[in-house]
């Protein structure tokens, strides 16, 4: 999957992020990595209900900005963000 841009505005500050989705095979890697001006600044991990949680924040991004970003990433994936294929139990 290609990276895609997301813009977040908060208190007159505008952040231009680029979000990349990465293969998720183990618990040591986060699924979504976020870059700002080409530098890795944060990552997110989905829970079982497809809600994103902050995994890493090496860029020291304001937590409210990260929550707004998580909301936009979730909206970018309307059919769910987990790799899991959910099966209904008979």
N, C-alpha and C. Protein backbone atom coordinates (compact mmCIF):
# COMPACT_ATOMS: atom_id res chain seq x y z
N UNK A 1 0.84 -1.18 0.00
CA UNK A 1 0.00 0.00 0.00
C UNK A 1 0.89 1.24 0.00
N UNK A 2 0.50 2.23 -0.77
CA UNK A 2 1.27 3.47 -0.84
C UNK A 2 0.99 4.36 0.36
N UNK A 3 1.97 5.19 0.70
CA UNK A 3 1.76 6.18 1.75
C UNK A 3 0.74 7.20 1.27
N UNK A 4 0.03 7.81 2.21
CA UNK A 4 -0.96 8.83 1.87
C UNK A 4 -0.83 10.01 2.82
N UNK A 5 -1.17 11.21 2.33
CA UNK A 5 -1.04 12.41 3.16
C UNK A 5 -2.26 12.63 4.05
N UNK A 6 -2.01 13.18 5.23
CA UNK A 6 -3.08 13.62 6.13
C UNK A 6 -2.63 14.94 6.75
N UNK A 7 -3.52 15.92 6.74
CA UNK A 7 -3.24 17.22 7.33
C UNK A 7 -4.08 17.40 8.58
N UNK A 8 -3.44 17.84 9.65
CA UNK A 8 -4.11 18.10 10.92
C UNK A 8 -3.87 19.55 11.30
N UNK A 9 -4.95 20.24 11.68
CA UNK A 9 -4.83 21.62 12.17
C UNK A 9 -5.28 21.68 13.62
N UNK A 10 -4.46 22.34 14.45
CA UNK A 10 -4.81 22.51 15.86
C UNK A 10 -4.19 23.81 16.33
N UNK A 11 -5.00 24.69 16.89
CA UNK A 11 -4.52 25.97 17.44
C UNK A 11 -3.65 26.74 16.44
N UNK A 12 -4.14 26.88 15.23
CA UNK A 12 -3.46 27.60 14.15
C UNK A 12 -2.19 26.93 13.64
N UNK A 13 -1.82 25.80 14.22
CA UNK A 13 -0.66 25.04 13.72
C UNK A 13 -1.18 23.99 12.75
N UNK A 14 -0.50 23.87 11.62
CA UNK A 14 -0.89 22.89 10.61
C UNK A 14 0.23 21.86 10.49
N UNK A 15 -0.13 20.60 10.59
CA UNK A 15 0.82 19.51 10.46
C UNK A 15 0.49 18.73 9.19
N UNK A 16 1.50 18.50 8.37
CA UNK A 16 1.34 17.71 7.16
C UNK A 16 2.06 16.38 7.38
N UNK A 17 1.29 15.34 7.54
CA UNK A 17 1.84 14.01 7.80
C UNK A 17 1.74 13.13 6.57
N UNK A 18 2.57 12.12 6.53
CA UNK A 18 2.48 11.07 5.53
C UNK A 18 2.37 9.77 6.32
N UNK A 19 1.36 8.97 5.98
CA UNK A 19 1.07 7.75 6.72
C UNK A 19 1.36 6.55 5.84
N UNK A 20 2.07 5.60 6.40
CA UNK A 20 2.36 4.35 5.71
C UNK A 20 1.83 3.18 6.50
N UNK A 21 1.25 2.22 5.79
CA UNK A 21 0.75 1.00 6.42
C UNK A 21 1.75 -0.11 6.14
N UNK A 22 2.11 -0.86 7.17
CA UNK A 22 3.14 -1.86 7.04
C UNK A 22 2.62 -3.23 7.44
N UNK A 23 3.23 -4.24 6.86
CA UNK A 23 2.86 -5.62 7.20
C UNK A 23 2.98 -5.80 8.70
N UNK A 24 2.05 -6.52 9.23
CA UNK A 24 1.99 -6.68 10.68
C UNK A 24 2.04 -8.16 11.02
N UNK A 25 3.23 -8.63 11.34
CA UNK A 25 3.39 -10.06 11.59
C UNK A 25 3.71 -10.41 13.03
N UNK A 26 4.14 -9.43 13.83
CA UNK A 26 4.47 -9.73 15.22
C UNK A 26 4.20 -8.51 16.08
N UNK A 27 4.35 -8.69 17.38
CA UNK A 27 4.02 -7.62 18.33
C UNK A 27 5.12 -6.57 18.47
N UNK A 28 6.24 -6.72 17.78
CA UNK A 28 7.33 -5.76 17.94
C UNK A 28 7.28 -4.65 16.91
N UNK A 29 6.34 -4.71 15.96
CA UNK A 29 6.24 -3.69 14.92
C UNK A 29 4.84 -3.08 14.93
N UNK A 30 4.78 -1.78 14.73
CA UNK A 30 3.50 -1.08 14.68
C UNK A 30 2.98 -1.09 13.25
N UNK A 31 1.68 -1.10 13.10
CA UNK A 31 1.09 -1.23 11.77
C UNK A 31 1.16 0.05 10.95
N UNK A 32 0.91 1.20 11.56
CA UNK A 32 0.92 2.48 10.83
C UNK A 32 2.08 3.34 11.32
N UNK A 33 2.91 3.78 10.38
CA UNK A 33 4.03 4.67 10.70
C UNK A 33 3.74 6.03 10.10
N UNK A 34 4.05 7.07 10.87
CA UNK A 34 3.73 8.45 10.48
C UNK A 34 5.01 9.25 10.34
N UNK A 35 5.08 10.01 9.25
CA UNK A 35 6.25 10.83 8.96
C UNK A 35 5.81 12.29 8.81
N UNK A 36 6.69 13.19 9.24
CA UNK A 36 6.46 14.62 9.04
C UNK A 36 7.77 15.20 8.53
N UNK A 37 7.70 15.85 7.37
CA UNK A 37 8.90 16.38 6.72
C UNK A 37 9.95 15.29 6.48
N UNK A 38 9.48 14.08 6.18
CA UNK A 38 10.37 12.97 5.88
C UNK A 38 10.93 12.24 7.08
N UNK A 39 10.66 12.73 8.29
CA UNK A 39 11.18 12.09 9.51
C UNK A 39 10.08 11.27 10.18
N UNK A 40 10.45 10.10 10.68
CA UNK A 40 9.52 9.24 11.42
C UNK A 40 9.18 9.93 12.74
N UNK A 41 7.88 10.17 12.99
CA UNK A 41 7.48 10.89 14.20
C UNK A 41 6.54 10.12 15.11
N UNK A 42 5.83 9.12 14.59
CA UNK A 42 4.88 8.39 15.43
C UNK A 42 4.45 7.11 14.74
N UNK A 43 3.83 6.23 15.53
CA UNK A 43 3.24 5.03 14.94
C UNK A 43 2.01 4.64 15.75
N UNK A 44 1.15 3.89 15.10
CA UNK A 44 -0.11 3.47 15.71
C UNK A 44 -0.30 1.97 15.52
N UNK A 45 -1.07 1.39 16.44
CA UNK A 45 -1.38 -0.03 16.40
C UNK A 45 -2.88 -0.19 16.61
N UNK A 46 -3.57 -0.96 15.76
CA UNK A 46 -5.01 -1.16 15.96
C UNK A 46 -5.28 -2.22 17.02
N UNK A 47 -6.40 -2.04 17.73
CA UNK A 47 -6.82 -3.08 18.66
C UNK A 47 -7.79 -4.01 17.93
N UNK A 48 -8.36 -4.95 18.64
CA UNK A 48 -9.25 -5.94 18.02
C UNK A 48 -10.52 -5.32 17.45
N UNK A 49 -10.85 -4.09 17.89
CA UNK A 49 -12.06 -3.41 17.42
C UNK A 49 -11.76 -2.35 16.37
N UNK A 50 -10.57 -2.38 15.81
CA UNK A 50 -10.14 -1.45 14.76
C UNK A 50 -9.97 -0.01 15.25
N UNK A 51 -9.73 0.19 16.54
CA UNK A 51 -9.41 1.52 17.05
C UNK A 51 -7.90 1.62 17.19
N UNK A 52 -7.35 2.74 16.74
CA UNK A 52 -5.90 2.92 16.80
C UNK A 52 -5.45 3.45 18.15
N UNK A 53 -4.29 2.97 18.57
CA UNK A 53 -3.66 3.42 19.81
C UNK A 53 -2.23 3.84 19.48
N UNK A 54 -1.75 4.84 20.18
CA UNK A 54 -0.38 5.30 19.96
C UNK A 54 0.58 4.18 20.35
N UNK A 55 1.47 3.87 19.45
CA UNK A 55 2.45 2.82 19.66
C UNK A 55 3.81 3.45 20.02
N UNK A 56 4.21 4.46 19.26
CA UNK A 56 5.46 5.18 19.49
C UNK A 56 5.25 6.66 19.17
N UNK A 57 6.02 7.52 19.86
CA UNK A 57 5.94 8.95 19.59
C UNK A 57 7.34 9.57 19.68
N UNK A 58 8.28 9.11 18.85
CA UNK A 58 9.64 9.64 18.93
C UNK A 58 9.74 11.11 18.51
N UNK A 59 8.74 11.63 17.79
CA UNK A 59 8.76 13.02 17.37
C UNK A 59 8.21 13.97 18.42
N UNK A 60 7.73 13.43 19.54
CA UNK A 60 7.18 14.27 20.59
C UNK A 60 5.97 15.06 20.15
N UNK A 61 5.15 14.46 19.27
CA UNK A 61 3.95 15.11 18.76
C UNK A 61 2.92 15.23 19.89
N UNK A 62 2.26 16.38 19.96
CA UNK A 62 1.22 16.61 20.96
C UNK A 62 0.20 15.48 20.91
N UNK A 63 -0.17 14.96 22.07
CA UNK A 63 -1.06 13.81 22.12
C UNK A 63 -2.42 14.09 21.49
N UNK A 64 -2.93 15.30 21.63
CA UNK A 64 -4.22 15.64 21.02
C UNK A 64 -4.11 15.59 19.49
N UNK A 65 -2.98 16.03 18.95
CA UNK A 65 -2.75 15.95 17.51
C UNK A 65 -2.72 14.49 17.08
N UNK A 66 -2.08 13.65 17.88
CA UNK A 66 -2.02 12.21 17.55
C UNK A 66 -3.41 11.58 17.56
N UNK A 67 -4.26 11.99 18.49
CA UNK A 67 -5.62 11.44 18.53
C UNK A 67 -6.42 11.89 17.30
N UNK A 68 -6.24 13.14 16.89
CA UNK A 68 -6.90 13.62 15.67
C UNK A 68 -6.39 12.85 14.45
N UNK A 69 -5.10 12.59 14.44
CA UNK A 69 -4.49 11.84 13.35
C UNK A 69 -5.03 10.41 13.32
N UNK A 70 -5.14 9.78 14.48
CA UNK A 70 -5.68 8.42 14.54
C UNK A 70 -7.10 8.38 13.98
N UNK A 71 -7.90 9.39 14.32
CA UNK A 71 -9.28 9.45 13.80
C UNK A 71 -9.28 9.51 12.27
N UNK A 72 -8.38 10.30 11.70
CA UNK A 72 -8.33 10.43 10.24
C UNK A 72 -7.81 9.16 9.58
N UNK A 73 -6.87 8.48 10.22
CA UNK A 73 -6.38 7.21 9.67
C UNK A 73 -7.51 6.18 9.68
N UNK A 74 -8.24 6.11 10.79
CA UNK A 74 -9.37 5.17 10.87
C UNK A 74 -10.40 5.49 9.78
N UNK A 75 -10.68 6.77 9.54
CA UNK A 75 -11.65 7.16 8.52
C UNK A 75 -11.15 6.82 7.12
N UNK A 76 -9.84 6.76 6.95
CA UNK A 76 -9.25 6.42 5.65
C UNK A 76 -9.46 4.93 5.32
N UNK A 77 -9.80 4.14 6.32
CA UNK A 77 -9.99 2.70 6.16
C UNK A 77 -11.40 2.33 6.62
N UNK A 78 -12.43 2.69 5.86
CA UNK A 78 -13.82 2.49 6.30
C UNK A 78 -14.23 1.03 6.50
N UNK A 79 -13.49 0.11 5.92
CA UNK A 79 -13.85 -1.31 6.06
C UNK A 79 -13.04 -2.01 7.13
N UNK A 80 -12.29 -1.26 7.92
CA UNK A 80 -11.49 -1.84 8.99
C UNK A 80 -10.01 -1.74 8.69
N UNK A 81 -9.21 -1.77 9.74
CA UNK A 81 -7.77 -1.58 9.58
C UNK A 81 -6.95 -2.77 10.01
N UNK A 82 -7.59 -3.79 10.53
CA UNK A 82 -6.85 -4.97 10.95
C UNK A 82 -6.61 -5.92 9.79
N UNK A 83 -5.53 -6.66 9.89
CA UNK A 83 -5.25 -7.71 8.90
C UNK A 83 -6.15 -8.92 9.12
N UNK A 84 -6.70 -9.01 10.31
CA UNK A 84 -7.47 -10.19 10.68
C UNK A 84 -8.72 -10.31 9.82
N UNK A 85 -9.04 -11.50 9.45
CA UNK A 85 -10.32 -11.78 8.80
C UNK A 85 -11.21 -12.36 9.88
N UNK A 86 -12.24 -11.64 10.20
CA UNK A 86 -13.12 -12.07 11.27
C UNK A 86 -14.08 -13.11 10.74
N UNK A 87 -14.19 -14.19 11.48
CA UNK A 87 -15.13 -15.25 11.09
C UNK A 87 -16.22 -15.31 12.14
N UNK A 88 -17.44 -15.43 11.66
CA UNK A 88 -18.56 -15.59 12.58
C UNK A 88 -18.60 -17.04 13.05
N UNK A 89 -18.83 -17.17 14.34
CA UNK A 89 -18.95 -18.53 14.88
C UNK A 89 -20.32 -19.07 14.56
N UNK A 90 -20.38 -20.33 14.16
CA UNK A 90 -21.68 -20.92 13.82
C UNK A 90 -22.57 -21.07 15.03
